[in-house]
Amino acid sequence: MGAVYHPEPRSVAARTLSRIWCMMESEPTYGDRRKRDLEEMLRGLAARILELDAKGALLEHAGELTRIIGDVRSELFHYEVRATYDTPEVAESRRIVEEAKDQTESDWENNEWERDDEEPTW
C-alpha cells in the first residue's frame, strides 16, 4: 500500500495569505491599504516558497503553491487594471487632444519653399 500524505498544519505565511486574500476580495477599490495588502501577499508568497524550499518540500506542496500563485496573479491583474484605468474625464480629455492633433496635422498645407529659377523683376 502507498504512503498516505498527511499535510502539515498551515504555516504562518499560508494563513497570512489567506487572511489578506479574504480582506482584499471584499474591498472594491484600490486604495493605499489594498496596495499594502498586495505587497504583503507577495511577501507571503515569497516567505512560503522559502519555507518550503528550506524543508525540501516545494514539489510536495505544488497544489498549495499553485493556488497561492493564482490568487497573487489575480490580485496583481486587478491592481494593474485599476492603476492604468482612465476615468471618464481623463478618457474624454485624451479623446479631445487626439482629435485636435488629427485635425491640425491634416489641415496643414504643404508650403515648403521651392527655388524659383527666374530672377525677380525689380
PDB file of N, CA and C in Angstrom:
ATOM      1  N   MET A   1       0.843  -1.174   0.000  1.00  0.00           N
ATOM      2  CA  MET A   1       0.000   0.000   0.000  1.00  0.00           C
ATOM      3  C   MET A   1       0.892   1.242   0.000  1.00  0.00           C
ATOM      4  N   GLY A   2       0.488   2.295  -0.776  1.00  0.00           N
ATOM      5  CA  GLY A   2       1.297   3.502  -0.899  1.00  0.00           C
ATOM      6  C   GLY A   2       1.249   4.353   0.349  1.00  0.00           C
ATOM      7  N   ALA A   3       2.193   5.259   0.425  1.00  0.00           N
ATOM      8  CA  ALA A   3       2.241   6.156   1.566  1.00  0.00           C
ATOM      9  C   ALA A   3       1.071   7.125   1.518  1.00  0.00           C
ATOM     10  N   VAL A   4       0.529   7.407   2.663  1.00  0.00           N
ATOM     11  CA  VAL A   4      -0.577   8.363   2.765  1.00  0.00           C
ATOM     12  C   VAL A   4       0.013   9.722   3.097  1.00  0.00           C
ATOM     13  N   TYR A   5      -0.395  10.719   2.348  1.00  0.00           N
ATOM     14  CA  TYR A   5       0.129  12.069   2.559  1.00  0.00           C
ATOM     15  C   TYR A   5      -0.669  12.753   3.656  1.00  0.00           C
ATOM     16  N   HIS A   6       0.020  13.223   4.667  1.00  0.00           N
ATOM     17  CA  HIS A   6      -0.608  13.976   5.752  1.00  0.00           C
ATOM     18  C   HIS A   6      -0.042  15.387   5.705  1.00  0.00           C
ATOM     19  N   PRO A   7      -0.839  16.346   5.240  1.00  0.00           N
ATOM     20  CA  PRO A   7      -0.304  17.706   5.142  1.00  0.00           C
ATOM     21  C   PRO A   7       0.029  18.267   6.517  1.00  0.00           C
ATOM     22  N   GLU A   8       1.074  19.069   6.523  1.00  0.00           N
ATOM     23  CA  GLU A   8       1.458  19.733   7.767  1.00  0.00           C
ATOM     24  C   GLU A   8       0.434  20.819   8.073  1.00  0.00           C
ATOM     25  N   PRO A   9       0.340  21.214   9.331  1.00  0.00           N
ATOM     26  CA  PRO A   9      -0.538  22.346   9.624  1.00  0.00           C
ATOM     27  C   PRO A   9      -0.092  23.547   8.797  1.00  0.00           C
ATOM     28  N   ARG A  10      -1.039  24.359   8.411  1.00  0.00           N
ATOM     29  CA  ARG A  10      -0.698  25.507   7.560  1.00  0.00           C
ATOM     30  C   ARG A  10       0.264  26.435   8.268  1.00  0.00           C
ATOM     31  N   SER A  11       1.214  26.925   7.522  1.00  0.00           N
ATOM     32  CA  SER A  11       2.234  27.805   8.089  1.00  0.00           C
ATOM     33  C   SER A  11       1.657  29.189   8.332  1.00  0.00           C
ATOM     34  N   VAL A  12       2.420  29.979   9.035  1.00  0.00           N
ATOM     35  CA  VAL A  12       2.027  31.367   9.291  1.00  0.00           C
ATOM     36  C   VAL A  12       1.879  32.104   7.964  1.00  0.00           C
ATOM     37  N   ALA A  13       2.811  31.859   7.040  1.00  0.00           N
ATOM     38  CA  ALA A  13       2.754  32.537   5.738  1.00  0.00           C
ATOM     39  C   ALA A  13       1.464  32.183   5.009  1.00  0.00           C
ATOM     40  N   ALA A  14       1.095  30.905   5.003  1.00  0.00           N
ATOM     41  CA  ALA A  14      -0.122  30.480   4.308  1.00  0.00           C
ATOM     42  C   ALA A  14      -1.362  31.077   4.963  1.00  0.00           C
ATOM     43  N   ARG A  15      -1.382  31.122   6.297  1.00  0.00           N
ATOM     44  CA  ARG A  15      -2.538  31.719   6.992  1.00  0.00           C
ATOM     45  C   ARG A  15      -2.627  33.211   6.705  1.00  0.00           C
ATOM     46  N   THR A  16      -1.484  33.879   6.677  1.00  0.00           N
ATOM     47  CA  THR A  16      -1.459  35.315   6.390  1.00  0.00           C
ATOM     48  C   THR A  16      -1.980  35.586   4.989  1.00  0.00           C
ATOM     49  N   LEU A  17      -1.533  34.792   4.021  1.00  0.00           N
ATOM     50  CA  LEU A  17      -2.004  34.972   2.646  1.00  0.00           C
ATOM     51  C   LEU A  17      -3.511  34.788   2.555  1.00  0.00           C
ATOM     52  N   SER A  18      -4.041  33.792   3.225  1.00  0.00           N
ATOM     53  CA  SER A  18      -5.487  33.550   3.196  1.00  0.00           C
ATOM     54  C   SER A  18      -6.244  34.717   3.807  1.00  0.00           C
ATOM     55  N   ARG A  19      -5.758  35.220   4.938  1.00  0.00           N
ATOM     56  CA  ARG A  19      -6.423  36.349   5.603  1.00  0.00           C
ATOM     57  C   ARG A  19      -6.432  37.579   4.707  1.00  0.00           C
ATOM     58  N   ILE A  20      -5.293  37.882   4.110  1.00  0.00           N
ATOM     59  CA  ILE A  20      -5.199  39.062   3.245  1.00  0.00           C
ATOM     60  C   ILE A  20      -6.100  38.893   2.030  1.00  0.00           C
ATOM     61  N   TRP A  21      -6.092  37.715   1.423  1.00  0.00           N
ATOM     62  CA  TRP A  21      -6.914  37.480   0.238  1.00  0.00           C
ATOM     63  C   TRP A  21      -8.388  37.700   0.551  1.00  0.00           C
ATOM     64  N   CYS A  22      -8.856  37.196   1.688  1.00  0.00           N
ATOM     65  CA  CYS A  22     -10.268  37.365   2.067  1.00  0.00           C
ATOM     66  C   CYS A  22     -10.606  38.836   2.244  1.00  0.00           C
ATOM     67  N   MET A  23      -9.713  39.601   2.862  1.00  0.00           N
ATOM     68  CA  MET A  23      -9.966  41.030   3.056  1.00  0.00           C
ATOM     69  C   MET A  23     -10.003  41.750   1.712  1.00  0.00           C
ATOM     70  N   MET A  24      -9.097  41.379   0.810  1.00  0.00           N
ATOM     71  CA  MET A  24      -8.994  42.075  -0.464  1.00  0.00           C
ATOM     72  C   MET A  24     -10.197  41.807  -1.354  1.00  0.00           C
ATOM     73  N   GLU A  25     -10.739  40.607  -1.297  1.00  0.00           N
ATOM     74  CA  GLU A  25     -11.889  40.287  -2.124  1.00  0.00           C
ATOM     75  C   GLU A  25     -13.090  41.165  -1.782  1.00  0.00           C
ATOM     76  N   SER A  26     -13.188  41.582  -0.532  1.00  0.00           N
ATOM     77  CA  SER A  26     -14.341  42.373  -0.123  1.00  0.00           C
ATOM     78  C   SER A  26     -14.143  43.868  -0.371  1.00  0.00           C
ATOM     79  N   GLU A  27     -12.957  44.290  -0.752  1.00  0.00           N
ATOM     80  CA  GLU A  27     -12.658  45.699  -0.963  1.00  0.00           C
ATOM     81  C   GLU A  27     -12.720  46.042  -2.447  1.00  0.00           C
ATOM     82  N   PRO A  28     -13.727  46.813  -2.894  1.00  0.00           N
ATOM     83  CA  PRO A  28     -13.883  47.062  -4.330  1.00  0.00           C
ATOM     84  C   PRO A  28     -12.896  48.066  -4.921  1.00  0.00           C
ATOM     85  N   THR A  29     -12.347  48.963  -4.114  1.00  0.00           N
ATOM     86  CA  THR A  29     -11.448  49.980  -4.656  1.00  0.00           C
ATOM     87  C   THR A  29      -9.999  49.634  -4.328  1.00  0.00           C
ATOM     88  N   TYR A  30      -9.087  50.316  -5.019  1.00  0.00           N
ATOM     89  CA  TYR A  30      -7.674  50.039  -4.806  1.00  0.00           C
ATOM     90  C   TYR A  30      -7.016  51.219  -4.130  1.00  0.00           C
ATOM     91  N   GLY A  31      -7.218  51.327  -2.835  1.00  0.00           N
ATOM     92  CA  GLY A  31      -6.615  52.403  -2.069  1.00  0.00           C
ATOM     93  C   GLY A  31      -5.258  51.987  -1.534  1.00  0.00           C
ATOM     94  N   ASP A  32      -4.702  52.839  -0.674  1.00  0.00           N
ATOM     95  CA  ASP A  32      -3.373  52.571  -0.118  1.00  0.00           C
ATOM     96  C   ASP A  32      -3.347  51.283   0.703  1.00  0.00           C
ATOM     97  N   ARG A  33      -4.425  51.026   1.460  1.00  0.00           N
ATOM     98  CA  ARG A  33      -4.466  49.810   2.278  1.00  0.00           C
ATOM     99  C   ARG A  33      -4.404  48.565   1.389  1.00  0.00           C
ATOM    100  N   ARG A  34      -5.142  48.580   0.303  1.00  0.00           N
ATOM    101  CA  ARG A  34      -5.160  47.407  -0.572  1.00  0.00           C
ATOM    102  C   ARG A  34      -3.796  47.217  -1.252  1.00  0.00           C
ATOM    103  N   LYS A  35      -3.128  48.327  -1.581  1.00  0.00           N
ATOM    104  CA  LYS A  35      -1.777  48.231  -2.147  1.00  0.00           C
ATOM    105  C   LYS A  35      -0.832  47.570  -1.151  1.00  0.00           C
ATOM    106  N   ARG A  36      -0.923  48.008   0.114  1.00  0.00           N
ATOM    107  CA  ARG A  36      -0.063  47.409   1.148  1.00  0.00           C
ATOM    108  C   ARG A  36      -0.379  45.926   1.317  1.00  0.00           C
ATOM    109  N   ASP A  37      -1.668  45.582   1.242  1.00  0.00           N
ATOM    110  CA  ASP A  37      -2.055  44.172   1.361  1.00  0.00           C
ATOM    111  C   ASP A  37      -1.499  43.341   0.199  1.00  0.00           C
ATOM    112  N   LEU A  38      -1.513  43.903  -1.012  1.00  0.00           N
ATOM    113  CA  LEU A  38      -0.944  43.196  -2.157  1.00  0.00           C
ATOM    114  C   LEU A  38       0.553  42.977  -1.956  1.00  0.00           C
ATOM    115  N   GLU A  39       1.230  44.004  -1.489  1.00  0.00           N
ATOM    116  CA  GLU A  39       2.664  43.850  -1.207  1.00  0.00           C
ATOM    117  C   GLU A  39       2.884  42.757  -0.170  1.00  0.00           C
ATOM    118  N   GLU A  40       2.010  42.710   0.842  1.00  0.00           N
ATOM    119  CA  GLU A  40       2.122  41.681   1.878  1.00  0.00           C
ATOM    120  C   GLU A  40       1.844  40.293   1.303  1.00  0.00           C
ATOM    121  N   MET A  41       0.903  40.203   0.370  1.00  0.00           N
ATOM    122  CA  MET A  41       0.641  38.922  -0.296  1.00  0.00           C
ATOM    123  C   MET A  41       1.887  38.440  -1.040  1.00  0.00           C
ATOM    124  N   LEU A  42       2.545  39.346  -1.747  1.00  0.00           N
ATOM    125  CA  LEU A  42       3.759  38.984  -2.482  1.00  0.00           C
ATOM    126  C   LEU A  42       4.852  38.518  -1.521  1.00  0.00           C
ATOM    127  N   ARG A  43       4.998  39.239  -0.409  1.00  0.00           N
ATOM    128  CA  ARG A  43       5.993  38.823   0.591  1.00  0.00           C
ATOM    129  C   ARG A  43       5.624  37.470   1.198  1.00  0.00           C
ATOM    130  N   GLY A  44       4.325  37.264   1.440  1.00  0.00           N
ATOM    131  CA  GLY A  44       3.863  35.992   1.990  1.00  0.00           C
ATOM    132  C   GLY A  44       4.152  34.832   1.047  1.00  0.00           C
ATOM    133  N   LEU A  45       3.926  35.042  -0.245  1.00  0.00           N
ATOM    134  CA  LEU A  45       4.241  34.014  -1.238  1.00  0.00           C
ATOM    135  C   LEU A  45       5.736  33.701  -1.210  1.00  0.00           C
ATOM    136  N   ALA A  46       6.540  34.756  -1.194  1.00  0.00           N
ATOM    137  CA  ALA A  46       7.992  34.562  -1.158  1.00  0.00           C
ATOM    138  C   ALA A  46       8.401  33.810   0.109  1.00  0.00           C
ATOM    139  N   ALA A  47       7.806  34.172   1.245  1.00  0.00           N
ATOM    140  CA  ALA A  47       8.145  33.505   2.511  1.00  0.00           C
ATOM    141  C   ALA A  47       7.747  32.029   2.467  1.00  0.00           C
ATOM    142  N   ARG A  48       6.573  31.753   1.900  1.00  0.00           N
ATOM    143  CA  ARG A  48       6.113  30.367   1.834  1.00  0.00           C
ATOM    144  C   ARG A  48       7.033  29.541   0.930  1.00  0.00           C
ATOM    145  N   ILE A  49       7.440  30.101  -0.178  1.00  0.00           N
ATOM    146  CA  ILE A  49       8.355  29.397  -1.081  1.00  0.00           C
ATOM    147  C   ILE A  49       9.679  29.115  -0.362  1.00  0.00           C
ATOM    148  N   LEU A  50      10.208  30.115   0.325  1.00  0.00           N
ATOM    149  CA  LEU A  50      11.468  29.925   1.054  1.00  0.00           C
ATOM    150  C   LEU A  50      11.309  28.878   2.161  1.00  0.00           C
ATOM    151  N   GLU A  51      10.180  28.930   2.860  1.00  0.00           N
ATOM    152  CA  GLU A  51       9.913  27.973   3.930  1.00  0.00           C
ATOM    153  C   GLU A  51       9.868  26.539   3.394  1.00  0.00           C
ATOM    154  N   LEU A  52       9.120  26.348   2.309  1.00  0.00           N
ATOM    155  CA  LEU A  52       9.024  25.002   1.721  1.00  0.00           C
ATOM    156  C   LEU A  52      10.356  24.547   1.141  1.00  0.00           C
ATOM    157  N   ASP A  53      11.079  25.482   0.545  1.00  0.00           N
ATOM    158  CA  ASP A  53      12.375  25.153  -0.026  1.00  0.00           C
ATOM    159  C   ASP A  53      13.342  24.701   1.066  1.00  0.00           C
ATOM    160  N   ALA A  54      13.329  25.388   2.211  1.00  0.00           N
ATOM    161  CA  ALA A  54      14.217  25.027   3.317  1.00  0.00           C
ATOM    162  C   ALA A  54      13.924  23.613   3.821  1.00  0.00           C
ATOM    163  N   LYS A  55      12.667  23.199   3.715  1.00  0.00           N
ATOM    164  CA  LYS A  55      12.282  21.853   4.156  1.00  0.00           C
ATOM    165  C   LYS A  55      12.447  20.824   3.029  1.00  0.00           C
ATOM    166  N   GLY A  56      12.798  21.307   1.834  1.00  0.00           N
ATOM    167  CA  GLY A  56      12.912  20.408   0.695  1.00  0.00           C
ATOM    168  C   GLY A  56      11.554  19.878   0.253  1.00  0.00           C
ATOM    169  N   ALA A  57      10.519  20.695   0.423  1.00  0.00           N
ATOM    170  CA  ALA A  57       9.157  20.227   0.164  1.00  0.00           C
ATOM    171  C   ALA A  57       8.409  21.078  -0.861  1.00  0.00           C
ATOM    172  N   LEU A  58       9.123  21.731  -1.743  1.00  0.00           N
ATOM    173  CA  LEU A  58       8.456  22.585  -2.732  1.00  0.00           C
ATOM    174  C   LEU A  58       7.444  21.812  -3.566  1.00  0.00           C
ATOM    175  N   LEU A  59       7.881  20.723  -4.155  1.00  0.00           N
ATOM    176  CA  LEU A  59       7.006  19.993  -5.070  1.00  0.00           C
ATOM    177  C   LEU A  59       5.900  19.231  -4.357  1.00  0.00           C
ATOM    178  N   GLU A  60       6.124  18.866  -3.112  1.00  0.00           N
ATOM    179  CA  GLU A  60       5.078  18.195  -2.364  1.00  0.00           C
ATOM    180  C   GLU A  60       3.891  19.127  -2.097  1.00  0.00           C
ATOM    181  N   HIS A  61       4.133  20.423  -2.182  1.00  0.00           N
ATOM    182  CA  HIS A  61       3.088  21.423  -1.932  1.00  0.00           C
ATOM    183  C   HIS A  61       2.732  22.176  -3.214  1.00  0.00           C
ATOM    184  N   ALA A  62       2.878  21.500  -4.342  1.00  0.00           N
ATOM    185  CA  ALA A  62       2.612  22.140  -5.638  1.00  0.00           C
ATOM    186  C   ALA A  62       1.183  22.669  -5.723  1.00  0.00           C
ATOM    187  N   GLY A  63       0.217  21.933  -5.217  1.00  0.00           N
ATOM    188  CA  GLY A  63      -1.184  22.384  -5.257  1.00  0.00           C
ATOM    189  C   GLY A  63      -1.399  23.662  -4.474  1.00  0.00           C
ATOM    190  N   GLU A  64      -0.832  23.709  -3.278  1.00  0.00           N
ATOM    191  CA  GLU A  64      -0.944  24.908  -2.442  1.00  0.00           C
ATOM    192  C   GLU A  64      -0.287  26.101  -3.131  1.00  0.00           C
ATOM    193  N   LEU A  65       0.920  25.881  -3.664  1.00  0.00           N
ATOM    194  CA  LEU A  65       1.631  26.974  -4.329  1.00  0.00           C
ATOM    195  C   LEU A  65       0.884  27.444  -5.571  1.00  0.00           C
ATOM    196  N   THR A  66       0.295  26.505  -6.296  1.00  0.00           N
ATOM    197  CA  THR A  66      -0.476  26.887  -7.482  1.00  0.00           C
ATOM    198  C   THR A  66      -1.649  27.770  -7.099  1.00  0.00           C
ATOM    199  N   ARG A  67      -2.342  27.418  -6.018  1.00  0.00           N
ATOM    200  CA  ARG A  67      -3.478  28.217  -5.550  1.00  0.00           C
ATOM    201  C   ARG A  67      -3.017  29.614  -5.123  1.00  0.00           C
ATOM    202  N   ILE A  68      -1.934  29.653  -4.335  1.00  0.00           N
ATOM    203  CA  ILE A  68      -1.428  30.945  -3.853  1.00  0.00           C
ATOM    204  C   ILE A  68      -0.972  31.806  -5.025  1.00  0.00           C
ATOM    205  N   ILE A  69      -0.228  31.211  -5.949  1.00  0.00           N
ATOM    206  CA  ILE A  69       0.254  31.960  -7.121  1.00  0.00           C
ATOM    207  C   ILE A  69      -0.934  32.477  -7.925  1.00  0.00           C
ATOM    208  N   GLY A  70      -1.983  31.666  -8.062  1.00  0.00           N
ATOM    209  CA  GLY A  70      -3.185  32.113  -8.772  1.00  0.00           C
ATOM    210  C   GLY A  70      -3.844  33.299  -8.096  1.00  0.00           C
ATOM    211  N   ASP A  71      -3.928  33.255  -6.759  1.00  0.00           N
ATOM    212  CA  ASP A  71      -4.520  34.368  -6.008  1.00  0.00           C
ATOM    213  C   ASP A  71      -3.698  35.645  -6.188  1.00  0.00           C
ATOM    214  N   VAL A  72      -2.378  35.495  -6.072  1.00  0.00           N
ATOM    215  CA  VAL A  72      -1.494  36.654  -6.220  1.00  0.00           C
ATOM    216  C   VAL A  72      -1.568  37.198  -7.640  1.00  0.00           C
ATOM    217  N   ARG A  73      -1.566  36.309  -8.616  1.00  0.00           N
ATOM    218  CA  ARG A  73      -1.651  36.722 -10.026  1.00  0.00           C
ATOM    219  C   ARG A  73      -2.944  37.494 -10.281  1.00  0.00           C
ATOM    220  N   SER A  74      -4.039  36.981  -9.765  1.00  0.00           N
ATOM    221  CA  SER A  74      -5.334  37.638  -9.940  1.00  0.00           C
ATOM    222  C   SER A  74      -5.323  39.035  -9.320  1.00  0.00           C
ATOM    223  N   GLU A  75      -4.778  39.139  -8.129  1.00  0.00           N
ATOM    224  CA  GLU A  75      -4.752  40.435  -7.451  1.00  0.00           C
ATOM    225  C   GLU A  75      -3.817  41.404  -8.163  1.00  0.00           C
ATOM    226  N   LEU A  76      -2.690  40.914  -8.675  1.00  0.00           N
ATOM    227  CA  LEU A  76      -1.790  41.773  -9.462  1.00  0.00           C
ATOM    228  C   LEU A  76      -2.492  42.286 -10.708  1.00  0.00           C
ATOM    229  N   PHE A  77      -3.275  41.423 -11.345  1.00  0.00           N
ATOM    230  CA  PHE A  77      -4.031  41.839 -12.527  1.00  0.00           C
ATOM    231  C   PHE A  77      -5.012  42.946 -12.160  1.00  0.00           C
ATOM    232  N   HIS A  78      -5.759  42.764 -11.059  1.00  0.00           N
ATOM    233  CA  HIS A  78      -6.710  43.798 -10.635  1.00  0.00           C
ATOM    234  C   HIS A  78      -5.995  45.107 -10.341  1.00  0.00           C
ATOM    235  N   TYR A  79      -4.839  45.030  -9.708  1.00  0.00           N
ATOM    236  CA  TYR A  79      -4.074  46.229  -9.414  1.00  0.00           C
ATOM    237  C   TYR A  79      -3.651  46.929 -10.703  1.00  0.00           C
ATOM    238  N   GLU A  80      -3.120  46.156 -11.636  1.00  0.00           N
ATOM    239  CA  GLU A  80      -2.643  46.739 -12.892  1.00  0.00           C
ATOM    240  C   GLU A  80      -3.785  47.400 -13.662  1.00  0.00           C
ATOM    241  N   VAL A  81      -4.929  46.747 -13.715  1.00  0.00           N
ATOM    242  CA  VAL A  81      -6.074  47.303 -14.427  1.00  0.00           C
ATOM    243  C   VAL A  81      -6.503  48.613 -13.782  1.00  0.00           C
ATOM    244  N   ARG A  82      -6.580  48.626 -12.462  1.00  0.00           N
ATOM    245  CA  ARG A  82      -7.015  49.853 -11.781  1.00  0.00           C
ATOM    246  C   ARG A  82      -5.966  50.947 -11.860  1.00  0.00           C
ATOM    247  N   ALA A  83      -4.709  50.568 -11.851  1.00  0.00           N
ATOM    248  CA  ALA A  83      -3.629  51.562 -11.910  1.00  0.00           C
ATOM    249  C   ALA A  83      -3.554  52.226 -13.279  1.00  0.00           C
ATOM    250  N   THR A  84      -3.967  51.528 -14.328  1.00  0.00           N
ATOM    251  CA  THR A  84      -3.883  52.087 -15.678  1.00  0.00           C
ATOM    252  C   THR A  84      -5.246  52.532 -16.204  1.00  0.00           C
ATOM    253  N   TYR A  85      -6.292  52.437 -15.376  1.00  0.00           N
ATOM    254  CA  TYR A  85      -7.646  52.780 -15.801  1.00  0.00           C
ATOM    255  C   TYR A  85      -7.807  54.289 -15.933  1.00  0.00           C
ATOM    256  N   ASP A  86      -8.384  54.719 -17.038  1.00  0.00           N
ATOM    257  CA  ASP A  86      -8.709  56.131 -17.215  1.00  0.00           C
ATOM    258  C   ASP A  86     -10.112  56.375 -16.702  1.00  0.00           C
ATOM    259  N   THR A  87     -10.262  57.407 -15.898  1.00  0.00           N
ATOM    260  CA  THR A  87     -11.612  57.802 -15.501  1.00  0.00           C
ATOM    261  C   THR A  87     -12.303  58.347 -16.741  1.00  0.00           C
ATOM    262  N   PRO A  88     -13.632  58.444 -16.739  1.00  0.00           N
ATOM    263  CA  PRO A  88     -14.321  59.002 -17.910  1.00  0.00           C
ATOM    264  C   PRO A  88     -13.818  60.406 -18.269  1.00  0.00           C
ATOM    265  N   GLU A  89     -13.475  61.200 -17.272  1.00  0.00           N
ATOM    266  CA  GLU A  89     -12.985  62.560 -17.531  1.00  0.00           C
ATOM    267  C   GLU A  89     -11.636  62.522 -18.242  1.00  0.00           C
ATOM    268  N   VAL A  90     -10.747  61.653 -17.787  1.00  0.00           N
ATOM    269  CA  VAL A  90      -9.429  61.539 -18.408  1.00  0.00           C
ATOM    270  C   VAL A  90      -9.562  61.001 -19.832  1.00  0.00           C
ATOM    271  N   ALA A  91     -10.431  60.017 -20.014  1.00  0.00           N
ATOM    272  CA  ALA A  91     -10.644  59.449 -21.354  1.00  0.00           C
ATOM    273  C   ALA A  91     -11.177  60.514 -22.305  1.00  0.00           C
ATOM    274  N   GLU A  92     -12.102  61.346 -21.831  1.00  0.00           N
ATOM    275  CA  GLU A  92     -12.651  62.417 -22.675  1.00  0.00           C
ATOM    276  C   GLU A  92     -11.567  63.437 -23.017  1.00  0.00           C
ATOM    277  N   SER A  93     -10.752  63.807 -22.059  1.00  0.00           N
ATOM    278  CA  SER A  93      -9.647  64.740 -22.328  1.00  0.00           C
ATOM    279  C   SER A  93      -8.686  64.161 -23.354  1.00  0.00           C
ATOM    280  N   ARG A  94      -8.376  62.884 -23.207  1.00  0.00           N
ATOM    281  CA  ARG A  94      -7.474  62.220 -24.145  1.00  0.00           C
ATOM    282  C   ARG A  94      -8.077  62.227 -25.560  1.00  0.00           C
ATOM    283  N   ARG A  95      -9.389  61.972 -25.661  1.00  0.00           N
ATOM    284  CA  ARG A  95     -10.070  61.959 -26.953  1.00  0.00           C
ATOM    285  C   ARG A  95     -10.012  63.345 -27.605  1.00  0.00           C
ATOM    286  N   ILE A  96     -10.243  64.388 -26.828  1.00  0.00           N
ATOM    287  CA  ILE A  96     -10.231  65.759 -27.355  1.00  0.00           C
ATOM    288  C   ILE A  96      -8.839  66.107 -27.885  1.00  0.00           C
ATOM    289  N   VAL A  97      -7.818  65.758 -27.138  1.00  0.00           N
ATOM    290  CA  VAL A  97      -6.442  66.043 -27.565  1.00  0.00           C
ATOM    291  C   VAL A  97      -6.116  65.288 -28.854  1.00  0.00           C
ATOM    292  N   GLU A  98      -6.476  64.005 -28.920  1.00  0.00           N
ATOM    293  CA  GLU A  98      -6.216  63.215 -30.131  1.00  0.00           C
ATOM    294  C   GLU A  98      -6.951  63.789 -31.334  1.00  0.00           C
ATOM    295  N   GLU A  99      -8.201  64.204 -31.135  1.00  0.00           N
ATOM    296  CA  GLU A  99      -8.980  64.807 -32.222  1.00  0.00           C
ATOM    297  C   GLU A  99      -8.312  66.085 -32.717  1.00  0.00           C
ATOM    298  N   ALA A 100      -7.872  66.914 -31.784  1.00  0.00           N
ATOM    299  CA  ALA A 100      -7.215  68.173 -32.151  1.00  0.00           C
ATOM    300  C   ALA A 100      -5.920  67.907 -32.898  1.00  0.00           C
ATOM    301  N   LYS A 101      -5.160  66.917 -32.465  1.00  0.00           N
ATOM    302  CA  LYS A 101      -3.915  66.591 -33.163  1.00  0.00           C
ATOM    303  C   LYS A 101      -4.201  66.099 -34.571  1.00  0.00           C
ATOM    304  N   ASP A 102      -5.217  65.266 -34.746  1.00  0.00           N
ATOM    305  CA  ASP A 102      -5.561  64.755 -36.068  1.00  0.00           C
ATOM    306  C   ASP A 102      -5.976  65.886 -36.995  1.00  0.00           C
ATOM    307  N   GLN A 103      -6.792  66.807 -36.502  1.00  0.00           N
ATOM    308  CA  GLN A 103      -7.254  67.930 -37.327  1.00  0.00           C
ATOM    309  C   GLN A 103      -6.087  68.826 -37.719  1.00  0.00           C
ATOM    310  N   THR A 104      -5.246  69.146 -36.779  1.00  0.00           N
ATOM    311  CA  THR A 104      -4.120  70.043 -37.041  1.00  0.00           C
ATOM    312  C   THR A 104      -3.181  69.442 -38.071  1.00  0.00           C
ATOM    313  N   GLU A 105      -2.860  68.173 -37.936  1.00  0.00           N
ATOM    314  CA  GLU A 105      -1.923  67.546 -38.857  1.00  0.00           C
ATOM    315  C   GLU A 105      -2.495  67.449 -40.264  1.00  0.00           C
ATOM    316  N   SER A 106      -3.789  67.238 -40.414  1.00  0.00           N
ATOM    317  CA  SER A 106      -4.367  67.102 -41.749  1.00  0.00           C
ATOM    318  C   SER A 106      -4.692  68.461 -42.374  1.00  0.00           C
ATOM    319  N   ASP A 107      -4.849  69.499 -41.559  1.00  0.00           N
ATOM    320  CA  ASP A 107      -5.189  70.822 -42.082  1.00  0.00           C
ATOM    321  C   ASP A 107      -3.978  71.610 -42.568  1.00  0.00           C
ATOM    322  N   TRP A 108      -2.794  71.220 -42.194  1.00  0.00           N
ATOM    323  CA  TRP A 108      -1.605  71.949 -42.603  1.00  0.00           C
ATOM    324  C   TRP A 108      -1.390  71.759 -44.104  1.00  0.00           C
ATOM    325  N   GLU A 109      -1.144  72.858 -44.754  1.00  0.00           N
ATOM    326  CA  GLU A 109      -0.841  72.784 -46.180  1.00  0.00           C
ATOM    327  C   GLU A 109       0.661  72.620 -46.348  1.00  0.00           C
ATOM    328  N   ASN A 110       1.019  71.966 -47.421  1.00  0.00           N
ATOM    329  CA  ASN A 110       2.425  71.824 -47.711  1.00  0.00           C
ATOM    330  C   ASN A 110       2.887  73.135 -48.340  1.00  0.00           C
ATOM    331  N   ASN A 111       3.636  73.901 -47.587  1.00  0.00           N
ATOM    332  CA  ASN A 111       4.112  75.177 -48.121  1.00  0.00           C
ATOM    333  C   ASN A 111       5.634  75.225 -48.038  1.00  0.00           C
ATOM    334  N   GLU A 112       6.249  74.137 -48.469  1.00  0.00           N
ATOM    335  CA  GLU A 112       7.704  74.094 -48.476  1.00  0.00           C
ATOM    336  C   GLU A 112       8.230  75.075 -49.522  1.00  0.00           C
ATOM    337  N   TRP A 113       9.344  75.664 -49.224  1.00  0.00           N
ATOM    338  CA  TRP A 113       9.952  76.643 -50.111  1.00  0.00           C
ATOM    339  C   TRP A 113      10.534  75.938 -51.315  1.00  0.00           C
ATOM    340  N   GLU A 114      10.245  76.493 -52.484  1.00  0.00           N
ATOM    341  CA  GLU A 114      10.831  75.971 -53.710  1.00  0.00           C
ATOM    342  C   GLU A 114      11.585  77.109 -54.382  1.00  0.00           C
ATOM    343  N   ARG A 115      12.716  76.804 -54.930  1.00  0.00           N
ATOM    344  CA  ARG A 115      13.539  77.821 -55.547  1.00  0.00           C
ATOM    345  C   ARG A 115      12.964  78.209 -56.903  1.00  0.00           C
ATOM    346  N   ASP A 116      12.903  79.490 -57.111  1.00  0.00           N
ATOM    347  CA  ASP A 116      12.492  79.999 -58.413  1.00  0.00           C
ATOM    348  C   ASP A 116      13.753  80.140 -59.259  1.00  0.00           C
ATOM    349  N   ASP A 117      13.666  79.654 -60.500  1.00  0.00           N
ATOM    350  CA  ASP A 117      14.815  79.788 -61.393  1.00  0.00           C
ATOM    351  C   ASP A 117      14.866  81.180 -62.028  1.00  0.00           C
ATOM    352  N   GLU A 118      13.780  81.851 -61.980  1.00  0.00           N
ATOM    353  CA  GLU A 118      13.750  83.186 -62.591  1.00  0.00           C
ATOM    354  C   GLU A 118      14.270  84.215 -61.626  1.00  0.00           C
ATOM    355  N   GLU A 119      14.918  85.193 -62.179  1.00  0.00           N
ATOM    356  CA  GLU A 119      15.368  86.320 -61.383  1.00  0.00           C
ATOM    357  C   GLU A 119      14.169  87.228 -61.130  1.00  0.00           C
ATOM    358  N   PRO A 120      14.078  87.749 -59.942  1.00  0.00           N
ATOM    359  CA  PRO A 120      12.942  88.650 -59.696  1.00  0.00           C
ATOM    360  C   PRO A 120      13.070  89.934 -60.506  1.00  0.00           C
ATOM    361  N   THR A 121      11.949  90.417 -60.912  1.00  0.00           N
ATOM    362  CA  THR A 121      11.926  91.669 -61.656  1.00  0.00           C
ATOM    363  C   THR A 121      11.717  92.799 -60.674  1.00  0.00           C
ATOM    364  N   TRP A 122      12.624  93.743 -60.737  1.00  0.00           N
ATOM    365  CA  TRP A 122      12.534  94.876 -59.799  1.00  0.00           C
ATOM    366  C   TRP A 122      12.040  96.063 -60.471  1.00  0.00           C
TER     367      TRP A 122
END
